[in-house]
Amino acid sequence: MSTRAWPIRRTSRPTRARADRRELAGFAAVGLLAYAADLALFTWLRGPAGLDPLTAKGISFVAGCSVAYAGNALGTYRHARVKGLRAYAVFCAVNLAGAVVQLLCLTLSHYGLGLTSQRADTVSGAGVGMALATVLRFWGTRTLVFRTEGRVGSWTG
């Protein structure tokens, strides 16, 4: 069984590899846009707006998640069969799991290690946390939300 982003019938390995690269590139492009929205809003909320780091990260997460869903649904996975509100709910759950990873990184750095500067908060929450969460989000998005028939590990709900 293959893990393609869209249905491709009996193709050669090079063709499947190209499809997988296109999926990864599309996911990465959407992710960069979502990351930019998240980072810009987090930085503004943490700095000029003066919010605490966890509240700022929570708000910026919602903005980044919305950008990611729209980009993936309309772009990267536009050929996948999506089940409306159910797919959006699963997408939110996958991204919430990613947000927990980010918040844990931020919490550990800020409160556990005492690294309380805006720069340290940005590196831990929007840098290290985002990188770890991205791996989880890619897996969840492609296997649980925007699935294709026959994909190994796909969600059938």
N, C-alpha and C. Protein backbone atom coordinates (compact mmCIF):
# COMPACT_ATOMS: atom_id res chain seq x y z
N MET A 1 0.84 -1.18 0.00
CA MET A 1 0.00 0.00 0.00
C MET A 1 0.89 1.24 0.00
N SER A 2 0.42 2.27 -0.64
CA SER A 2 1.19 3.49 -0.78
C SER A 2 0.66 4.58 0.14
N THR A 3 1.45 5.61 0.36
CA THR A 3 1.03 6.75 1.17
C THR A 3 0.95 8.00 0.31
N ARG A 4 0.36 7.88 -0.87
CA ARG A 4 0.23 9.01 -1.79
C ARG A 4 -0.77 10.02 -1.28
N ALA A 5 -0.65 11.27 -1.72
CA ALA A 5 -1.58 12.33 -1.33
C ALA A 5 -2.85 12.29 -2.15
N TRP A 6 -2.82 11.71 -3.34
CA TRP A 6 -4.00 11.64 -4.19
C TRP A 6 -3.94 10.34 -4.97
N PRO A 7 -5.08 9.89 -5.46
CA PRO A 7 -5.09 8.58 -6.14
C PRO A 7 -4.23 8.57 -7.40
N ILE A 8 -3.33 7.64 -7.46
CA ILE A 8 -2.53 7.40 -8.66
C ILE A 8 -2.53 5.89 -8.85
N ARG A 9 -3.01 5.45 -9.98
CA ARG A 9 -3.14 4.01 -10.21
C ARG A 9 -1.83 3.40 -10.68
N ARG A 10 -1.47 2.28 -10.09
CA ARG A 10 -0.31 1.48 -10.49
C ARG A 10 0.75 2.26 -11.24
N THR A 11 1.56 2.95 -10.52
CA THR A 11 2.60 3.76 -11.13
C THR A 11 3.96 3.25 -10.70
N SER A 12 4.95 3.70 -11.40
CA SER A 12 6.31 3.30 -11.10
C SER A 12 6.78 4.01 -9.83
N ARG A 13 7.85 3.50 -9.28
CA ARG A 13 8.42 4.12 -8.08
C ARG A 13 8.80 5.58 -8.32
N PRO A 14 9.43 5.93 -9.45
CA PRO A 14 9.76 7.34 -9.67
C PRO A 14 8.53 8.24 -9.70
N THR A 15 7.43 7.74 -10.28
CA THR A 15 6.20 8.54 -10.32
C THR A 15 5.65 8.73 -8.92
N ARG A 16 5.63 7.67 -8.12
CA ARG A 16 5.17 7.78 -6.73
C ARG A 16 6.06 8.70 -5.93
N ALA A 17 7.36 8.62 -6.17
CA ALA A 17 8.30 9.47 -5.44
C ALA A 17 8.04 10.94 -5.78
N ARG A 18 7.75 11.23 -7.05
CA ARG A 18 7.42 12.62 -7.44
C ARG A 18 6.15 13.08 -6.75
N ALA A 19 5.16 12.22 -6.68
CA ALA A 19 3.89 12.57 -6.01
C ALA A 19 4.13 12.83 -4.52
N ASP A 20 4.94 12.00 -3.90
CA ASP A 20 5.26 12.19 -2.49
C ASP A 20 6.02 13.50 -2.27
N ARG A 21 6.95 13.82 -3.18
CA ARG A 21 7.70 15.08 -3.07
C ARG A 21 6.77 16.28 -3.24
N ARG A 22 5.82 16.18 -4.18
CA ARG A 22 4.85 17.27 -4.37
C ARG A 22 4.01 17.47 -3.12
N GLU A 23 3.59 16.36 -2.51
CA GLU A 23 2.80 16.45 -1.27
C GLU A 23 3.61 17.12 -0.17
N LEU A 24 4.83 16.69 0.01
CA LEU A 24 5.69 17.26 1.04
C LEU A 24 5.97 18.74 0.77
N ALA A 25 6.22 19.09 -0.49
CA ALA A 25 6.48 20.49 -0.83
C ALA A 25 5.24 21.36 -0.59
N GLY A 26 4.07 20.85 -0.95
CA GLY A 26 2.84 21.59 -0.71
C GLY A 26 2.58 21.76 0.77
N PHE A 27 2.75 20.68 1.53
CA PHE A 27 2.57 20.75 2.98
C PHE A 27 3.55 21.74 3.59
N ALA A 28 4.79 21.72 3.13
CA ALA A 28 5.81 22.64 3.65
C ALA A 28 5.48 24.09 3.32
N ALA A 29 5.02 24.35 2.10
CA ALA A 29 4.67 25.72 1.72
C ALA A 29 3.52 26.25 2.57
N VAL A 30 2.49 25.43 2.74
CA VAL A 30 1.36 25.83 3.58
C VAL A 30 1.84 26.01 5.02
N GLY A 31 2.69 25.10 5.47
CA GLY A 31 3.23 25.19 6.82
C GLY A 31 4.03 26.46 7.05
N LEU A 32 4.79 26.87 6.04
CA LEU A 32 5.55 28.12 6.17
C LEU A 32 4.63 29.32 6.31
N LEU A 33 3.55 29.34 5.54
CA LEU A 33 2.58 30.43 5.68
C LEU A 33 1.94 30.42 7.06
N ALA A 34 1.54 29.25 7.51
CA ALA A 34 0.94 29.13 8.83
C ALA A 34 1.94 29.51 9.93
N TYR A 35 3.18 29.07 9.76
CA TYR A 35 4.24 29.41 10.71
C TYR A 35 4.46 30.92 10.76
N ALA A 36 4.46 31.57 9.60
CA ALA A 36 4.65 33.03 9.56
C ALA A 36 3.51 33.74 10.30
N ALA A 37 2.28 33.28 10.09
CA ALA A 37 1.14 33.88 10.79
C ALA A 37 1.27 33.66 12.29
N ASP A 38 1.61 32.45 12.69
CA ASP A 38 1.78 32.11 14.10
C ASP A 38 2.90 32.94 14.73
N LEU A 39 4.05 32.96 14.10
CA LEU A 39 5.21 33.66 14.65
C LEU A 39 4.98 35.16 14.75
N ALA A 40 4.45 35.76 13.69
CA ALA A 40 4.22 37.21 13.70
C ALA A 40 3.23 37.59 14.80
N LEU A 41 2.15 36.84 14.90
CA LEU A 41 1.16 37.16 15.92
C LEU A 41 1.70 36.89 17.32
N PHE A 42 2.40 35.78 17.51
CA PHE A 42 2.99 35.48 18.82
C PHE A 42 3.97 36.58 19.24
N THR A 43 4.82 36.99 18.33
CA THR A 43 5.81 38.02 18.65
C THR A 43 5.14 39.33 19.03
N TRP A 44 4.10 39.71 18.29
CA TRP A 44 3.38 40.94 18.60
C TRP A 44 2.64 40.83 19.93
N LEU A 45 1.98 39.71 20.16
CA LEU A 45 1.23 39.53 21.40
C LEU A 45 2.15 39.47 22.61
N ARG A 46 3.29 38.84 22.45
CA ARG A 46 4.26 38.71 23.54
C ARG A 46 4.99 40.02 23.81
N GLY A 47 5.26 40.80 22.74
CA GLY A 47 5.99 42.06 22.88
C GLY A 47 5.07 43.25 23.11
N PRO A 48 4.70 43.98 22.04
CA PRO A 48 3.89 45.20 22.20
C PRO A 48 2.57 45.00 22.93
N ALA A 49 1.89 43.90 22.73
CA ALA A 49 0.61 43.68 23.40
C ALA A 49 0.79 43.28 24.86
N GLY A 50 1.96 42.77 25.21
CA GLY A 50 2.30 42.48 26.60
C GLY A 50 1.59 41.29 27.22
N LEU A 51 1.18 40.33 26.43
CA LEU A 51 0.52 39.15 26.98
C LEU A 51 1.56 38.16 27.51
N ASP A 52 1.12 37.31 28.44
CA ASP A 52 2.02 36.28 28.94
C ASP A 52 2.29 35.26 27.82
N PRO A 53 3.36 34.50 27.93
CA PRO A 53 3.76 33.63 26.81
C PRO A 53 2.74 32.55 26.45
N LEU A 54 2.07 31.96 27.42
CA LEU A 54 1.15 30.87 27.10
C LEU A 54 -0.13 31.39 26.45
N THR A 55 -0.63 32.53 26.89
CA THR A 55 -1.81 33.13 26.26
C THR A 55 -1.47 33.56 24.84
N ALA A 56 -0.32 34.19 24.67
CA ALA A 56 0.11 34.63 23.34
C ALA A 56 0.24 33.44 22.39
N LYS A 57 0.81 32.34 22.88
CA LYS A 57 0.98 31.15 22.04
C LYS A 57 -0.37 30.52 21.71
N GLY A 58 -1.29 30.51 22.65
CA GLY A 58 -2.62 29.97 22.40
C GLY A 58 -3.36 30.73 21.31
N ILE A 59 -3.30 32.03 21.35
CA ILE A 59 -3.98 32.86 20.35
C ILE A 59 -3.30 32.72 18.99
N SER A 60 -1.98 32.75 18.97
CA SER A 60 -1.27 32.63 17.69
C SER A 60 -1.47 31.25 17.08
N PHE A 61 -1.66 30.24 17.91
CA PHE A 61 -1.95 28.90 17.42
C PHE A 61 -3.24 28.86 16.62
N VAL A 62 -4.27 29.48 17.11
CA VAL A 62 -5.56 29.47 16.42
C VAL A 62 -5.41 30.10 15.03
N ALA A 63 -4.68 31.20 14.95
CA ALA A 63 -4.46 31.86 13.66
C ALA A 63 -3.67 30.95 12.71
N GLY A 64 -2.59 30.36 13.19
CA GLY A 64 -1.77 29.48 12.37
C GLY A 64 -2.53 28.24 11.93
N CYS A 65 -3.34 27.68 12.80
CA CYS A 65 -4.13 26.49 12.48
C CYS A 65 -5.14 26.79 11.38
N SER A 66 -5.77 27.94 11.45
CA SER A 66 -6.75 28.32 10.42
C SER A 66 -6.10 28.48 9.06
N VAL A 67 -4.94 29.10 9.03
CA VAL A 67 -4.20 29.26 7.78
C VAL A 67 -3.81 27.89 7.23
N ALA A 68 -3.35 26.99 8.10
CA ALA A 68 -2.92 25.66 7.66
C ALA A 68 -4.08 24.84 7.09
N TYR A 69 -5.23 24.86 7.74
CA TYR A 69 -6.36 24.08 7.24
C TYR A 69 -6.79 24.59 5.87
N ALA A 70 -6.94 25.89 5.75
CA ALA A 70 -7.37 26.46 4.46
C ALA A 70 -6.36 26.12 3.36
N GLY A 71 -5.09 26.28 3.63
CA GLY A 71 -4.06 26.00 2.63
C GLY A 71 -4.01 24.54 2.22
N ASN A 72 -4.12 23.64 3.19
CA ASN A 72 -4.09 22.22 2.87
C ASN A 72 -5.36 21.77 2.16
N ALA A 73 -6.51 22.24 2.61
CA ALA A 73 -7.77 21.83 2.00
C ALA A 73 -7.91 22.35 0.57
N LEU A 74 -7.46 23.58 0.35
CA LEU A 74 -7.60 24.20 -0.97
C LEU A 74 -6.40 23.95 -1.88
N GLY A 75 -5.29 23.54 -1.31
CA GLY A 75 -4.07 23.36 -2.09
C GLY A 75 -3.54 21.95 -2.07
N THR A 76 -2.71 21.65 -1.10
CA THR A 76 -1.98 20.39 -1.04
C THR A 76 -2.86 19.16 -1.19
N TYR A 77 -3.98 19.12 -0.48
CA TYR A 77 -4.83 17.93 -0.47
C TYR A 77 -6.18 18.19 -1.15
N ARG A 78 -6.20 19.05 -2.14
CA ARG A 78 -7.46 19.39 -2.82
C ARG A 78 -8.08 18.18 -3.53
N HIS A 79 -7.30 17.14 -3.83
CA HIS A 79 -7.81 15.96 -4.51
C HIS A 79 -8.31 14.89 -3.55
N ALA A 80 -8.05 15.06 -2.27
CA ALA A 80 -8.46 14.05 -1.29
C ALA A 80 -9.94 14.20 -0.98
N ARG A 81 -10.53 13.08 -0.64
CA ARG A 81 -11.94 13.09 -0.25
C ARG A 81 -11.99 13.52 1.22
N VAL A 82 -12.66 14.63 1.47
CA VAL A 82 -12.73 15.19 2.81
C VAL A 82 -14.18 15.14 3.28
N LYS A 83 -14.39 14.78 4.53
CA LYS A 83 -15.73 14.65 5.06
C LYS A 83 -16.12 15.86 5.91
N GLY A 84 -16.08 17.04 5.34
CA GLY A 84 -16.60 18.27 5.93
C GLY A 84 -16.19 18.55 7.36
N LEU A 85 -17.19 18.75 8.19
CA LEU A 85 -16.97 19.16 9.57
C LEU A 85 -16.17 18.12 10.35
N ARG A 86 -16.38 16.86 10.04
CA ARG A 86 -15.63 15.80 10.70
C ARG A 86 -14.13 15.92 10.42
N ALA A 87 -13.78 16.18 9.16
CA ALA A 87 -12.37 16.35 8.80
C ALA A 87 -11.77 17.56 9.51
N TYR A 88 -12.54 18.65 9.58
CA TYR A 88 -12.05 19.84 10.27
C TYR A 88 -11.83 19.55 11.75
N ALA A 89 -12.72 18.80 12.36
CA ALA A 89 -12.59 18.45 13.78
C ALA A 89 -11.33 17.60 14.01
N VAL A 90 -11.09 16.64 13.14
CA VAL A 90 -9.89 15.80 13.27
C VAL A 90 -8.64 16.66 13.04
N PHE A 91 -8.71 17.56 12.03
CA PHE A 91 -7.59 18.46 11.77
C PHE A 91 -7.27 19.29 13.02
N CYS A 92 -8.31 19.81 13.65
CA CYS A 92 -8.12 20.61 14.87
C CYS A 92 -7.50 19.76 15.98
N ALA A 93 -7.94 18.51 16.10
CA ALA A 93 -7.38 17.62 17.12
C ALA A 93 -5.90 17.34 16.86
N VAL A 94 -5.55 17.09 15.61
CA VAL A 94 -4.15 16.85 15.25
C VAL A 94 -3.31 18.09 15.57
N ASN A 95 -3.83 19.26 15.22
CA ASN A 95 -3.10 20.49 15.48
C ASN A 95 -3.07 20.84 16.96
N LEU A 96 -4.09 20.46 17.69
CA LEU A 96 -4.08 20.65 19.14
C LEU A 96 -2.98 19.80 19.77
N ALA A 97 -2.82 18.57 19.28
CA ALA A 97 -1.72 17.73 19.77
C ALA A 97 -0.37 18.38 19.47
N GLY A 98 -0.24 18.97 18.28
CA GLY A 98 0.98 19.70 17.95
C GLY A 98 1.17 20.91 18.85
N ALA A 99 0.06 21.60 19.15
CA ALA A 99 0.14 22.77 20.03
C ALA A 99 0.59 22.37 21.44
N VAL A 100 0.14 21.21 21.91
CA VAL A 100 0.57 20.73 23.22
C VAL A 100 2.09 20.53 23.23
N VAL A 101 2.62 20.00 22.16
CA VAL A 101 4.08 19.83 22.05
C VAL A 101 4.76 21.19 22.14
N GLN A 102 4.23 22.18 21.39
CA GLN A 102 4.82 23.53 21.42
C GLN A 102 4.72 24.16 22.81
N LEU A 103 3.55 24.03 23.44
CA LEU A 103 3.36 24.61 24.77
C LEU A 103 4.25 23.95 25.81
N LEU A 104 4.46 22.65 25.67
CA LEU A 104 5.36 21.96 26.59
C LEU A 104 6.79 22.48 26.45
N CYS A 105 7.22 22.70 25.22
CA CYS A 105 8.57 23.27 25.00
C CYS A 105 8.68 24.66 25.61
N LEU A 106 7.66 25.49 25.37
CA LEU A 106 7.66 26.85 25.91
C LEU A 106 7.61 26.83 27.44
N THR A 107 6.76 26.00 28.01
CA THR A 107 6.63 25.90 29.46
C THR A 107 7.93 25.43 30.10
N LEU A 108 8.53 24.42 29.53
CA LEU A 108 9.80 23.90 30.07
C LEU A 108 10.88 24.97 30.04
N SER A 109 10.99 25.66 28.92
CA SER A 109 12.01 26.70 28.79
C SER A 109 11.75 27.88 29.72
N HIS A 110 10.53 28.40 29.69
CA HIS A 110 10.21 29.63 30.43
C HIS A 110 10.17 29.39 31.94
N TYR A 111 9.42 28.37 32.34
CA TYR A 111 9.21 28.15 33.77
C TYR A 111 10.16 27.13 34.37
N GLY A 112 10.55 26.12 33.61
CA GLY A 112 11.43 25.09 34.14
C GLY A 112 12.90 25.49 34.13
N LEU A 113 13.33 26.10 33.01
CA LEU A 113 14.73 26.47 32.88
C LEU A 113 15.00 27.93 33.23
N GLY A 114 13.92 28.71 33.41
CA GLY A 114 14.07 30.12 33.78
C GLY A 114 14.54 31.01 32.64
N LEU A 115 14.37 30.57 31.40
CA LEU A 115 14.75 31.38 30.24
C LEU A 115 13.52 32.23 29.87
N THR A 116 13.44 33.45 30.42
CA THR A 116 12.21 34.23 30.37
C THR A 116 12.22 35.40 29.40
N SER A 117 13.27 35.57 28.63
CA SER A 117 13.29 36.68 27.67
C SER A 117 12.35 36.40 26.50
N GLN A 118 12.00 37.46 25.79
CA GLN A 118 11.15 37.27 24.62
C GLN A 118 11.84 36.39 23.59
N ARG A 119 13.14 36.57 23.43
CA ARG A 119 13.89 35.75 22.48
C ARG A 119 13.85 34.27 22.86
N ALA A 120 14.06 33.97 24.14
CA ALA A 120 14.02 32.58 24.59
C ALA A 120 12.63 31.98 24.39
N ASP A 121 11.60 32.76 24.67
CA ASP A 121 10.23 32.27 24.46
C ASP A 121 9.96 31.99 22.99
N THR A 122 10.46 32.86 22.12
CA THR A 122 10.26 32.68 20.69
C THR A 122 11.00 31.45 20.18
N VAL A 123 12.23 31.25 20.62
CA VAL A 123 13.02 30.09 20.19
C VAL A 123 12.37 28.80 20.67
N SER A 124 11.96 28.76 21.92
CA SER A 124 11.40 27.51 22.46
C SER A 124 9.99 27.23 21.95
N GLY A 125 9.13 28.25 21.89
CA GLY A 125 7.75 28.04 21.46
C GLY A 125 7.57 27.97 19.96
N ALA A 126 8.19 28.92 19.26
CA ALA A 126 7.99 29.02 17.82
C ALA A 126 9.13 28.39 17.02
N GLY A 127 10.18 27.97 17.67
CA GLY A 127 11.30 27.33 16.99
C GLY A 127 11.33 25.84 17.26
N VAL A 128 11.85 25.48 18.40
CA VAL A 128 11.99 24.07 18.77
C VAL A 128 10.61 23.38 18.83
N GLY A 129 9.66 24.01 19.51
CA GLY A 129 8.32 23.44 19.63
C GLY A 129 7.65 23.26 18.29
N MET A 130 7.79 24.25 17.41
CA MET A 130 7.17 24.16 16.09
C MET A 130 7.79 23.04 15.26
N ALA A 131 9.09 22.87 15.34
CA ALA A 131 9.75 21.82 14.56
C ALA A 131 9.27 20.43 15.00
N LEU A 132 9.20 20.20 16.29
CA LEU A 132 8.72 18.91 16.78
C LEU A 132 7.25 18.69 16.44
N ALA A 133 6.46 19.74 16.58
CA ALA A 133 5.02 19.63 16.29
C ALA A 133 4.76 19.41 14.81
N THR A 134 5.61 19.91 13.94
CA THR A 134 5.42 19.76 12.50
C THR A 134 5.48 18.29 12.08
N VAL A 135 6.36 17.54 12.67
CA VAL A 135 6.45 16.10 12.35
C VAL A 135 5.12 15.43 12.70
N LEU A 136 4.61 15.71 13.87
CA LEU A 136 3.34 15.14 14.30
C LEU A 136 2.19 15.60 13.39
N ARG A 137 2.17 16.88 13.05
CA ARG A 137 1.10 17.42 12.20
C ARG A 137 1.12 16.83 10.80
N PHE A 138 2.29 16.64 10.22
CA PHE A 138 2.37 16.07 8.87
C PHE A 138 1.78 14.66 8.87
N TRP A 139 2.21 13.86 9.82
CA TRP A 139 1.69 12.51 9.90
C TRP A 139 0.17 12.52 10.09
N GLY A 140 -0.33 13.30 11.02
CA GLY A 140 -1.76 13.34 11.29
C GLY A 140 -2.57 13.89 10.15
N THR A 141 -2.06 14.93 9.50
CA THR A 141 -2.80 15.55 8.40
C THR A 141 -2.93 14.58 7.23
N ARG A 142 -1.85 13.91 6.88
CA ARG A 142 -1.90 13.04 5.70
C ARG A 142 -2.58 11.70 5.97
N THR A 143 -2.56 11.21 7.20
CA THR A 143 -3.14 9.90 7.44
C THR A 143 -4.52 9.95 8.09
N LEU A 144 -4.84 11.01 8.80
CA LEU A 144 -6.11 11.08 9.51
C LEU A 144 -7.12 12.04 8.91
N VAL A 145 -6.65 13.10 8.27
CA VAL A 145 -7.57 14.14 7.79
C VAL A 145 -7.79 14.05 6.29
N PHE A 146 -6.74 14.27 5.51
CA PHE A 146 -6.85 14.29 4.05
C PHE A 146 -6.36 12.95 3.51
N ARG A 147 -7.14 11.95 3.74
CA ARG A 147 -6.75 10.59 3.38
C ARG A 147 -7.17 10.29 1.94
N THR A 148 -6.53 9.29 1.39
CA THR A 148 -6.89 8.78 0.07
C THR A 148 -7.22 7.31 0.25
N GLU A 149 -8.11 6.80 -0.55
CA GLU A 149 -8.46 5.38 -0.46
C GLU A 149 -7.20 4.54 -0.58
N GLY A 150 -7.07 3.56 0.28
CA GLY A 150 -5.96 2.63 0.20
C GLY A 150 -4.71 3.08 0.93
N ARG A 151 -4.71 4.26 1.52
CA ARG A 151 -3.52 4.71 2.23
C ARG A 151 -3.39 3.92 3.54
N VAL A 152 -2.22 3.43 3.79
CA VAL A 152 -1.96 2.68 5.01
C VAL A 152 -2.14 3.61 6.20
N GLY A 153 -2.87 3.15 7.18
CA GLY A 153 -3.05 3.94 8.40
C GLY A 153 -4.07 5.05 8.25
N SER A 154 -4.88 5.05 7.20
CA SER A 154 -5.83 6.14 7.01
C SER A 154 -7.02 5.98 7.92
N TRP A 155 -7.61 7.09 8.23
CA TRP A 155 -8.80 7.15 9.07
C TRP A 155 -10.00 6.96 8.18
N THR A 156 -10.91 6.12 8.55
CA THR A 156 -12.05 5.83 7.68
C THR A 156 -13.33 6.46 8.16
N GLY A 157 -13.29 7.31 9.19
CA GLY A 157 -14.49 7.91 9.75
C GLY A 157 -15.22 8.69 8.82
